[in-house]
Structure formats: structure tokens, C-alpha cells
Amino acid sequence: MIGSICGRIVVKAPPQLLIEVGGIGYEIEAPMSTFYGLPGVGEEVRLLTHLVVREDAHILYGFSSAAERLLFRNLLKVSGVGPKIALAILSGTTAEGFASCVTSNDVNALTKIPGVGRKTAERLIIEMRDRLSAAEFSSLVSADTAAGGAEGEAFAALVALGYKSAEASRLIKAVTNSGSEGTEDLIRRALQGALR
């Protein structure tokens, strides 16, 4: 799987981007939250990515933060939610805003997002409640900015390994020091802590 792309922006036409990497142009779809922070055409950019493989296409989605990509991946696990709706949700709200809607059961706020009806909003709240909370997203977002993404990447790795979000967050917080740590070191120490 392609985990990230680093290259020069050739075309910006929301929700699509064309990023040239070593002479190859990658078409990427990105939420508006990512577009707002992109540099201009001709400048270098690094995006975290998620590849969706369908029978008729391979589509690459790009995100400016680990929190956005984590939310996108979790939204895809909700029945009835595909990449198009997940992208619309990320374009219509932040990761923290979405987590807040879920924890406060705010169906009306979610239905204001284009493509999200009442039934879909209710399903999102029910299925996402156990996976993610506002506090976890908030810690992930601050990890992206304060720790260069190491904590956020470690959190996402633990979730991918099957840990519940609350447990992954607790394990990362237990091993995080004030010094700079690499993602691999955080994951290793968090897993060691889980075995105790």
C-alpha cells in the first residue's frame, strides 16, 4: 500500500490533486480540510495516503494529518459509508468536530454535511461511538503538531493492530516522555507496556 506521497503539486482542482513524484503524476482525491493547508501549484507537499482498490479503479486519497487519515479509515468500516461519503464528512467537519458530534449524539450537525442523511448520521454515531472519542482525536491532533506526528502514527499503528482507541491512547500516553521519540520506539514501548 502507498502510505505517503511527497512531490510537486501540478494540478489543484478540488477534490482532486495531481502530484508529480520522480516524473510520475499521482492523481489523489483529498478532503477540503487538506486543500485549505496546501501550498500553491509548483510547490512541494507531503501527504499521508490511503489506497482504495475496487474492481474498476484504484483510487488514492490524501490527507494532511494522521488524524484525518485515521478518521477516514474508521469511517470506511461503517456499513453504508464509502470513500465518497467519508471524504464529504472530512470536508464538512474536522476530526475533532466529528468526534464531538459522535460523543454528544448530534445527528442534526452530521445531516448538514452533503450526502449524509438522517439514517446514515444515526448509524455513524452508533458505530463510531466505541471506536473514537473527542479526547482521543484531540490528543492525536496535538501529537501531529507537537510531536511531529510520532504519537499520532504510533496511535494509528496500535489501532491497526486491533487495539481499541481508548486502550491505544492510554498505552501511548503511558510511554510518552517530553523528549523526542521515534514512532517505532513509541510502538515498541507501548506494546511492551500492554504485556505487563
Foldseek 3Di string as FASTA:
>chain_A
DQFKDKAFWADDDAQWTWGDDPNDTAIEGEAVVQVVPDDDHGDIDMWTWDWDDDPVDIHIYTDPFLLLVLQQVQQCVQPPDHNVVSSQQVNLDPSLVLLVCLVVVPLVSSCVRPPQHSVNSNSCSVSCVFADHNVLSVVQVCCVVPQVNLLNVLLSVVVVVPDGSVLSSVLLVVPDDPDHDHNVVSNVSSVVVVVD
